[in-house]
Amino acid sequence: MIDQLAYSAANHFGELETSFILGRRRGQEEGRLEGRAEGRLEGRAEGRLEGQLKIARQMLVEGFADEMIARLTGLSQEDLDGLKGERK
């Protein structure tokens, strides 16, 4: 009887340990996937911003008005002021 209880307890403990390990692995994988997705989104946003800044720089060189550059690129006046500061 005691042997059977000990076996049952050990078996139950093993199942709990396995469940814990599997849950932990699943959580780690979900975290990695979320991190990759977030990284892709950030990369795309940075790429779009770089494109907008490149266009705005060229428009400044060509003499476009700030209002037009802001409207066409979606950049703020503060962004444009920063670009103008780069040129000095």
PDB file of N, CA and C in Angstrom:
ATOM      1  N   MET A   1       0.815  -1.187   0.000  1.00  0.00           N
ATOM      2  CA  MET A   1       0.000   0.000   0.000  1.00  0.00           C
ATOM      3  C   MET A   1       0.866   1.262   0.000  1.00  0.00           C
ATOM      4  N   ILE A   2       1.877   1.303   0.883  1.00  0.00           N
ATOM      5  CA  ILE A   2       2.759   2.462   0.958  1.00  0.00           C
ATOM      6  C   ILE A   2       3.569   2.583  -0.322  1.00  0.00           C
ATOM      7  N   ASP A   3       4.017   1.446  -0.855  1.00  0.00           N
ATOM      8  CA  ASP A   3       4.759   1.470  -2.113  1.00  0.00           C
ATOM      9  C   ASP A   3       3.909   2.051  -3.231  1.00  0.00           C
ATOM     10  N   GLN A   4       2.655   1.685  -3.250  1.00  0.00           N
ATOM     11  CA  GLN A   4       1.747   2.172  -4.284  1.00  0.00           C
ATOM     12  C   GLN A   4       1.538   3.686  -4.144  1.00  0.00           C
ATOM     13  N   LEU A   5       1.388   4.175  -2.918  1.00  0.00           N
ATOM     14  CA  LEU A   5       1.241   5.614  -2.680  1.00  0.00           C
ATOM     15  C   LEU A   5       2.502   6.373  -3.085  1.00  0.00           C
ATOM     16  N   ALA A   6       3.656   5.812  -2.752  1.00  0.00           N
ATOM     17  CA  ALA A   6       4.923   6.446  -3.110  1.00  0.00           C
ATOM     18  C   ALA A   6       5.071   6.504  -4.629  1.00  0.00           C
ATOM     19  N   TYR A   7       4.723   5.410  -5.297  1.00  0.00           N
ATOM     20  CA  TYR A   7       4.791   5.369  -6.755  1.00  0.00           C
ATOM     21  C   TYR A   7       3.839   6.399  -7.362  1.00  0.00           C
ATOM     22  N   SER A   8       2.632   6.460  -6.823  1.00  0.00           N
ATOM     23  CA  SER A   8       1.627   7.394  -7.325  1.00  0.00           C
ATOM     24  C   SER A   8       2.085   8.843  -7.131  1.00  0.00           C
ATOM     25  N   ALA A   9       2.651   9.136  -5.974  1.00  0.00           N
ATOM     26  CA  ALA A   9       3.136  10.490  -5.691  1.00  0.00           C
ATOM     27  C   ALA A   9       4.292  10.848  -6.619  1.00  0.00           C
ATOM     28  N   ALA A  10       5.219   9.913  -6.817  1.00  0.00           N
ATOM     29  CA  ALA A  10       6.358  10.164  -7.699  1.00  0.00           C
ATOM     30  C   ALA A  10       5.888  10.373  -9.133  1.00  0.00           C
ATOM     31  N   ASN A  11       4.919   9.576  -9.553  1.00  0.00           N
ATOM     32  CA  ASN A  11       4.377   9.696 -10.901  1.00  0.00           C
ATOM     33  C   ASN A  11       3.702  11.063 -11.082  1.00  0.00           C
ATOM     34  N   HIS A  12       2.933  11.463 -10.085  1.00  0.00           N
ATOM     35  CA  HIS A  12       2.242  12.751 -10.137  1.00  0.00           C
ATOM     36  C   HIS A  12       3.256  13.897 -10.186  1.00  0.00           C
ATOM     37  N   PHE A  13       4.305  13.798  -9.371  1.00  0.00           N
ATOM     38  CA  PHE A  13       5.349  14.817  -9.367  1.00  0.00           C
ATOM     39  C   PHE A  13       6.015  14.903 -10.740  1.00  0.00           C
ATOM     40  N   GLY A  14       6.270  13.763 -11.353  1.00  0.00           N
ATOM     41  CA  GLY A  14       6.868  13.739 -12.688  1.00  0.00           C
ATOM     42  C   GLY A  14       5.980  14.409 -13.718  1.00  0.00           C
ATOM     43  N   GLU A  15       4.677  14.178 -13.618  1.00  0.00           N
ATOM     44  CA  GLU A  15       3.737  14.818 -14.540  1.00  0.00           C
ATOM     45  C   GLU A  15       3.721  16.333 -14.349  1.00  0.00           C
ATOM     46  N   LEU A  16       3.754  16.766 -13.097  1.00  0.00           N
ATOM     47  CA  LEU A  16       3.787  18.207 -12.815  1.00  0.00           C
ATOM     48  C   LEU A  16       5.062  18.847 -13.362  1.00  0.00           C
ATOM     49  N   GLU A  17       6.170  18.156 -13.167  1.00  0.00           N
ATOM     50  CA  GLU A  17       7.447  18.666 -13.652  1.00  0.00           C
ATOM     51  C   GLU A  17       7.438  18.776 -15.177  1.00  0.00           C
ATOM     52  N   THR A  18       6.921  17.765 -15.843  1.00  0.00           N
ATOM     53  CA  THR A  18       6.818  17.781 -17.304  1.00  0.00           C
ATOM     54  C   THR A  18       5.917  18.916 -17.769  1.00  0.00           C
ATOM     55  N   SER A  19       4.789  19.092 -17.104  1.00  0.00           N
ATOM     56  CA  SER A  19       3.872  20.179 -17.462  1.00  0.00           C
ATOM     57  C   SER A  19       4.540  21.533 -17.288  1.00  0.00           C
ATOM     58  N   PHE A  20       5.286  21.683 -16.208  1.00  0.00           N
ATOM     59  CA  PHE A  20       5.992  22.935 -15.952  1.00  0.00           C
ATOM     60  C   PHE A  20       7.004  23.218 -17.056  1.00  0.00           C
ATOM     61  N   ILE A  21       7.783  22.219 -17.415  1.00  0.00           N
ATOM     62  CA  ILE A  21       8.806  22.387 -18.451  1.00  0.00           C
ATOM     63  C   ILE A  21       8.162  22.738 -19.785  1.00  0.00           C
ATOM     64  N   LEU A  22       7.098  22.030 -20.145  1.00  0.00           N
ATOM     65  CA  LEU A  22       6.417  22.312 -21.411  1.00  0.00           C
ATOM     66  C   LEU A  22       5.809  23.713 -21.416  1.00  0.00           C
ATOM     67  N   GLY A  23       5.209  24.106 -20.304  1.00  0.00           N
ATOM     68  CA  GLY A  23       4.633  25.448 -20.204  1.00  0.00           C
ATOM     69  C   GLY A  23       5.693  26.527 -20.320  1.00  0.00           C
ATOM     70  N   ARG A  24       6.809  26.283 -19.698  1.00  0.00           N
ATOM     71  CA  ARG A  24       7.912  27.244 -19.761  1.00  0.00           C
ATOM     72  C   ARG A  24       8.429  27.378 -21.191  1.00  0.00           C
ATOM     73  N   ARG A  25       8.618  26.269 -21.866  1.00  0.00           N
ATOM     74  CA  ARG A  25       9.084  26.302 -23.263  1.00  0.00           C
ATOM     75  C   ARG A  25       8.090  27.028 -24.156  1.00  0.00           C
ATOM     76  N   ARG A  26       6.810  26.752 -23.946  1.00  0.00           N
ATOM     77  CA  ARG A  26       5.764  27.398 -24.736  1.00  0.00           C
ATOM     78  C   ARG A  26       5.795  28.915 -24.507  1.00  0.00           C
ATOM     79  N   GLY A  27       5.953  29.319 -23.269  1.00  0.00           N
ATOM     80  CA  GLY A  27       6.028  30.744 -22.935  1.00  0.00           C
ATOM     81  C   GLY A  27       7.243  31.410 -23.558  1.00  0.00           C
ATOM     82  N   GLN A  28       8.372  30.726 -23.534  1.00  0.00           N
ATOM     83  CA  GLN A  28       9.580  31.275 -24.142  1.00  0.00           C
ATOM     84  C   GLN A  28       9.406  31.438 -25.649  1.00  0.00           C
ATOM     85  N   GLU A  29       8.811  30.450 -26.294  1.00  0.00           N
ATOM     86  CA  GLU A  29       8.589  30.525 -27.740  1.00  0.00           C
ATOM     87  C   GLU A  29       7.632  31.663 -28.080  1.00  0.00           C
ATOM     88  N   GLU A  30       6.567  31.808 -27.299  1.00  0.00           N
ATOM     89  CA  GLU A  30       5.629  32.908 -27.533  1.00  0.00           C
ATOM     90  C   GLU A  30       6.335  34.254 -27.372  1.00  0.00           C
ATOM     91  N   GLY A  31       7.196  34.354 -26.389  1.00  0.00           N
ATOM     92  CA  GLY A  31       7.956  35.588 -26.174  1.00  0.00           C
ATOM     93  C   GLY A  31       8.870  35.896 -27.345  1.00  0.00           C
ATOM     94  N   ARG A  32       9.530  34.868 -27.868  1.00  0.00           N
ATOM     95  CA  ARG A  32      10.398  35.074 -29.035  1.00  0.00           C
ATOM     96  C   ARG A  32       9.594  35.541 -30.238  1.00  0.00           C
ATOM     97  N   LEU A  33       8.449  34.910 -30.471  1.00  0.00           N
ATOM     98  CA  LEU A  33       7.616  35.288 -31.610  1.00  0.00           C
ATOM     99  C   LEU A  33       7.122  36.727 -31.486  1.00  0.00           C
ATOM    100  N   GLU A  34       6.691  37.104 -30.286  1.00  0.00           N
ATOM    101  CA  GLU A  34       6.240  38.482 -30.071  1.00  0.00           C
ATOM    102  C   GLU A  34       7.383  39.461 -30.289  1.00  0.00           C
ATOM    103  N   GLY A  35       8.560  39.114 -29.822  1.00  0.00           N
ATOM    104  CA  GLY A  35       9.730  39.979 -29.997  1.00  0.00           C
ATOM    105  C   GLY A  35      10.082  40.165 -31.460  1.00  0.00           C
ATOM    106  N   ARG A  36      10.025  39.093 -32.225  1.00  0.00           N
ATOM    107  CA  ARG A  36      10.317  39.195 -33.660  1.00  0.00           C
ATOM    108  C   ARG A  36       9.302  40.083 -34.360  1.00  0.00           C
ATOM    109  N   ALA A  37       8.031  39.884 -34.054  1.00  0.00           N
ATOM    110  CA  ALA A  37       6.979  40.688 -34.683  1.00  0.00           C
ATOM    111  C   ALA A  37       7.158  42.161 -34.340  1.00  0.00           C
ATOM    112  N   GLU A  38       7.446  42.440 -33.089  1.00  0.00           N
ATOM    113  CA  GLU A  38       7.647  43.828 -32.667  1.00  0.00           C
ATOM    114  C   GLU A  38       8.869  44.426 -33.364  1.00  0.00           C
ATOM    115  N   GLY A  39       9.926  43.647 -33.488  1.00  0.00           N
ATOM    116  CA  GLY A  39      11.129  44.111 -34.176  1.00  0.00           C
ATOM    117  C   GLY A  39      10.867  44.435 -35.637  1.00  0.00           C
ATOM    118  N   ARG A  40      10.074  43.597 -36.298  1.00  0.00           N
ATOM    119  CA  ARG A  40       9.732  43.865 -37.698  1.00  0.00           C
ATOM    120  C   ARG A  40       8.959  45.172 -37.829  1.00  0.00           C
ATOM    121  N   LEU A  41       7.994  45.373 -36.950  1.00  0.00           N
ATOM    122  CA  LEU A  41       7.199  46.604 -36.997  1.00  0.00           C
ATOM    123  C   LEU A  41       8.072  47.831 -36.773  1.00  0.00           C
ATOM    124  N   GLU A  42       8.962  47.752 -35.801  1.00  0.00           N
ATOM    125  CA  GLU A  42       9.856  48.875 -35.533  1.00  0.00           C
ATOM    126  C   GLU A  42      10.767  49.134 -36.726  1.00  0.00           C
ATOM    127  N   GLY A  43      11.257  48.084 -37.341  1.00  0.00           N
ATOM    128  CA  GLY A  43      12.124  48.232 -38.509  1.00  0.00           C
ATOM    129  C   GLY A  43      11.411  48.892 -39.671  1.00  0.00           C
ATOM    130  N   ARG A  44      10.177  48.497 -39.895  1.00  0.00           N
ATOM    131  CA  ARG A  44       9.403  49.121 -40.969  1.00  0.00           C
ATOM    132  C   ARG A  44       9.167  50.596 -40.693  1.00  0.00           C
ATOM    133  N   ALA A  45       8.825  50.914 -39.458  1.00  0.00           N
ATOM    134  CA  ALA A  45       8.574  52.312 -39.090  1.00  0.00           C
ATOM    135  C   ALA A  45       9.845  53.143 -39.266  1.00  0.00           C
ATOM    136  N   GLU A  46      10.980  52.598 -38.855  1.00  0.00           N
ATOM    137  CA  GLU A  46      12.246  53.306 -39.018  1.00  0.00           C
ATOM    138  C   GLU A  46      12.564  53.505 -40.495  1.00  0.00           C
ATOM    139  N   GLY A  47      12.294  52.502 -41.309  1.00  0.00           N
ATOM    140  CA  GLY A  47      12.535  52.612 -42.745  1.00  0.00           C
ATOM    141  C   GLY A  47      11.667  53.680 -43.387  1.00  0.00           C
ATOM    142  N   ARG A  48      10.397  53.731 -42.983  1.00  0.00           N
ATOM    143  CA  ARG A  48       9.504  54.767 -43.512  1.00  0.00           C
ATOM    144  C   ARG A  48       9.989  56.156 -43.120  1.00  0.00           C
ATOM    145  N   LEU A  49      10.384  56.301 -41.866  1.00  0.00           N
ATOM    146  CA  LEU A  49      10.865  57.597 -41.394  1.00  0.00           C
ATOM    147  C   LEU A  49      12.116  58.011 -42.156  1.00  0.00           C
ATOM    148  N   GLU A  50      13.033  57.080 -42.361  1.00  0.00           N
ATOM    149  CA  GLU A  50      14.245  57.399 -43.118  1.00  0.00           C
ATOM    150  C   GLU A  50      13.902  57.865 -44.528  1.00  0.00           C
ATOM    151  N   GLY A  51      12.926  57.213 -45.151  1.00  0.00           N
ATOM    152  CA  GLY A  51      12.487  57.624 -46.485  1.00  0.00           C
ATOM    153  C   GLY A  51      11.907  59.024 -46.476  1.00  0.00           C
ATOM    154  N   GLN A  52      11.086  59.317 -45.478  1.00  0.00           N
ATOM    155  CA  GLN A  52      10.490  60.650 -45.367  1.00  0.00           C
ATOM    156  C   GLN A  52      11.574  61.704 -45.153  1.00  0.00           C
ATOM    157  N   LEU A  53      12.547  61.399 -44.321  1.00  0.00           N
ATOM    158  CA  LEU A  53      13.627  62.345 -44.054  1.00  0.00           C
ATOM    159  C   LEU A  53      14.475  62.584 -45.299  1.00  0.00           C
ATOM    160  N   LYS A  54      14.728  61.539 -46.051  1.00  0.00           N
ATOM    161  CA  LYS A  54      15.520  61.675 -47.279  1.00  0.00           C
ATOM    162  C   LYS A  54      14.814  62.586 -48.276  1.00  0.00           C
ATOM    163  N   ILE A  55      13.528  62.373 -48.450  1.00  0.00           N
ATOM    164  CA  ILE A  55      12.745  63.211 -49.365  1.00  0.00           C
ATOM    165  C   ILE A  55      12.733  64.651 -48.871  1.00  0.00           C
ATOM    166  N   ALA A  56      12.518  64.838 -47.570  1.00  0.00           N
ATOM    167  CA  ALA A  56      12.470  66.188 -47.005  1.00  0.00           C
ATOM    168  C   ALA A  56      13.806  66.903 -47.181  1.00  0.00           C
ATOM    169  N   ARG A  57      14.910  66.194 -46.985  1.00  0.00           N
ATOM    170  CA  ARG A  57      16.231  66.816 -47.183  1.00  0.00           C
ATOM    171  C   ARG A  57      16.367  67.332 -48.612  1.00  0.00           C
ATOM    172  N   GLN A  58      15.972  66.502 -49.559  1.00  0.00           N
ATOM    173  CA  GLN A  58      16.081  66.905 -50.959  1.00  0.00           C
ATOM    174  C   GLN A  58      15.155  68.083 -51.262  1.00  0.00           C
ATOM    175  N   MET A  59      13.962  68.069 -50.699  1.00  0.00           N
ATOM    176  CA  MET A  59      13.027  69.173 -50.917  1.00  0.00           C
ATOM    177  C   MET A  59      13.580  70.471 -50.330  1.00  0.00           C
ATOM    178  N   LEU A  60      14.249  70.389 -49.183  1.00  0.00           N
ATOM    179  CA  LEU A  60      14.865  71.580 -48.601  1.00  0.00           C
ATOM    180  C   LEU A  60      15.950  72.127 -49.525  1.00  0.00           C
ATOM    181  N   VAL A  61      16.764  71.224 -50.067  1.00  0.00           N
ATOM    182  CA  VAL A  61      17.813  71.642 -50.998  1.00  0.00           C
ATOM    183  C   VAL A  61      17.204  72.327 -52.218  1.00  0.00           C
ATOM    184  N   GLU A  62      16.071  71.816 -52.677  1.00  0.00           N
ATOM    185  CA  GLU A  62      15.400  72.363 -53.859  1.00  0.00           C
ATOM    186  C   GLU A  62      14.636  73.651 -53.564  1.00  0.00           C
ATOM    187  N   GLY A  63      14.541  74.008 -52.275  1.00  0.00           N
ATOM    188  CA  GLY A  63      13.906  75.270 -51.921  1.00  0.00           C
ATOM    189  C   GLY A  63      12.407  75.212 -51.681  1.00  0.00           C
ATOM    190  N   PHE A  64      11.851  74.037 -51.451  1.00  0.00           N
ATOM    191  CA  PHE A  64      10.419  73.925 -51.167  1.00  0.00           C
ATOM    192  C   PHE A  64      10.104  74.597 -49.832  1.00  0.00           C
ATOM    193  N   ALA A  65       8.896  75.117 -49.711  1.00  0.00           N
ATOM    194  CA  ALA A  65       8.433  75.739 -48.470  1.00  0.00           C
ATOM    195  C   ALA A  65       8.225  74.664 -47.401  1.00  0.00           C
ATOM    196  N   ASP A  66       8.505  75.034 -46.157  1.00  0.00           N
ATOM    197  CA  ASP A  66       8.350  74.098 -45.040  1.00  0.00           C
ATOM    198  C   ASP A  66       6.950  73.502 -44.981  1.00  0.00           C
ATOM    199  N   GLU A  67       5.943  74.336 -45.186  1.00  0.00           N
ATOM    200  CA  GLU A  67       4.557  73.871 -45.105  1.00  0.00           C
ATOM    201  C   GLU A  67       4.289  72.759 -46.114  1.00  0.00           C
ATOM    202  N   MET A  68       4.837  72.928 -47.321  1.00  0.00           N
ATOM    203  CA  MET A  68       4.622  71.923 -48.361  1.00  0.00           C
ATOM    204  C   MET A  68       5.369  70.631 -48.020  1.00  0.00           C
ATOM    205  N   ILE A  69       6.586  70.774 -47.542  1.00  0.00           N
ATOM    206  CA  ILE A  69       7.374  69.591 -47.174  1.00  0.00           C
ATOM    207  C   ILE A  69       6.662  68.820 -46.067  1.00  0.00           C
ATOM    208  N   ALA A  70       6.186  69.547 -45.061  1.00  0.00           N
ATOM    209  CA  ALA A  70       5.490  68.904 -43.947  1.00  0.00           C
ATOM    210  C   ALA A  70       4.231  68.198 -44.436  1.00  0.00           C
ATOM    211  N   ARG A  71       3.497  68.851 -45.299  1.00  0.00           N
ATOM    212  CA  ARG A  71       2.244  68.265 -45.804  1.00  0.00           C
ATOM    213  C   ARG A  71       2.518  67.008 -46.631  1.00  0.00           C
ATOM    214  N   LEU A  72       3.529  67.054 -47.483  1.00  0.00           N
ATOM    215  CA  LEU A  72       3.796  65.932 -48.389  1.00  0.00           C
ATOM    216  C   LEU A  72       4.513  64.759 -47.713  1.00  0.00           C
ATOM    217  N   THR A  73       5.326  65.051 -46.712  1.00  0.00           N
ATOM    218  CA  THR A  73       6.085  63.974 -46.063  1.00  0.00           C
ATOM    219  C   THR A  73       5.460  63.501 -44.757  1.00  0.00           C
ATOM    220  N   GLY A  74       4.605  64.330 -44.168  1.00  0.00           N
ATOM    221  CA  GLY A  74       4.026  63.983 -42.874  1.00  0.00           C
ATOM    222  C   GLY A  74       4.936  64.317 -41.705  1.00  0.00           C
ATOM    223  N   LEU A  75       6.047  64.980 -41.974  1.00  0.00           N
ATOM    224  CA  LEU A  75       6.968  65.372 -40.908  1.00  0.00           C
ATOM    225  C   LEU A  75       6.470  66.644 -40.228  1.00  0.00           C
ATOM    226  N   SER A  76       6.889  66.838 -38.997  1.00  0.00           N
ATOM    227  CA  SER A  76       6.504  68.038 -38.252  1.00  0.00           C
ATOM    228  C   SER A  76       7.488  69.171 -38.543  1.00  0.00           C
ATOM    229  N   GLN A  77       7.095  70.373 -38.149  1.00  0.00           N
ATOM    230  CA  GLN A  77       7.995  71.517 -38.297  1.00  0.00           C
ATOM    231  C   GLN A  77       9.258  71.299 -37.468  1.00  0.00           C
ATOM    232  N   GLU A  78       9.093  70.674 -36.320  1.00  0.00           N
ATOM    233  CA  GLU A  78      10.250  70.365 -35.472  1.00  0.00           C
ATOM    234  C   GLU A  78      11.226  69.437 -36.200  1.00  0.00           C
ATOM    235  N   ASP A  79      10.694  68.441 -36.909  1.00  0.00           N
ATOM    236  CA  ASP A  79      11.547  67.541 -37.697  1.00  0.00           C
ATOM    237  C   ASP A  79      12.300  68.322 -38.767  1.00  0.00           C
ATOM    238  N   LEU A  80      11.581  69.216 -39.436  1.00  0.00           N
ATOM    239  CA  LEU A  80      12.209  70.012 -40.498  1.00  0.00           C
ATOM    240  C   LEU A  80      13.282  70.929 -39.925  1.00  0.00           C
ATOM    241  N   ASP A  81      13.017  71.522 -38.765  1.00  0.00           N
ATOM    242  CA  ASP A  81      14.024  72.372 -38.126  1.00  0.00           C
ATOM    243  C   ASP A  81      15.277  71.557 -37.813  1.00  0.00           C
ATOM    244  N   GLY A  82      15.092  70.319 -37.388  1.00  0.00           N
ATOM    245  CA  GLY A  82      16.231  69.441 -37.127  1.00  0.00           C
ATOM    246  C   GLY A  82      17.031  69.160 -38.391  1.00  0.00           C
ATOM    247  N   LEU A  83      16.334  68.956 -39.494  1.00  0.00           N
ATOM    248  CA  LEU A  83      17.017  68.717 -40.767  1.00  0.00           C
ATOM    249  C   LEU A  83      17.788  69.955 -41.211  1.00  0.00           C
ATOM    250  N   LYS A  84      17.186  71.108 -40.995  1.00  0.00           N
ATOM    251  CA  LYS A  84      17.876  72.354 -41.359  1.00  0.00           C
ATOM    252  C   LYS A  84      19.131  72.518 -40.516  1.00  0.00           C
ATOM    253  N   GLY A  85      19.072  72.103 -39.255  1.00  0.00           N
ATOM    254  CA  GLY A  85      20.231  72.173 -38.372  1.00  0.00           C
ATOM    255  C   GLY A  85      21.357  71.259 -38.832  1.00  0.00           C
ATOM    256  N   GLU A  86      21.021  70.148 -39.474  1.00  0.00           N
ATOM    257  CA  GLU A  86      22.032  69.223 -40.006  1.00  0.00           C
ATOM    258  C   GLU A  86      22.853  69.885 -41.104  1.00  0.00           C
ATOM    259  N   ARG A  87      22.208  70.741 -41.859  1.00  0.00           N
ATOM    260  CA  ARG A  87      22.847  71.347 -43.032  1.00  0.00           C
ATOM    261  C   ARG A  87      23.827  72.446 -42.658  1.00  0.00           C
ATOM    262  N   LYS A  88      23.732  72.964 -41.440  1.00  0.00           N
ATOM    263  CA  LYS A  88      24.595  74.093 -41.043  1.00  0.00           C
ATOM    264  C   LYS A  88      25.954  73.618 -40.624  1.00  0.00           C
TER     265      LYS A  88
END
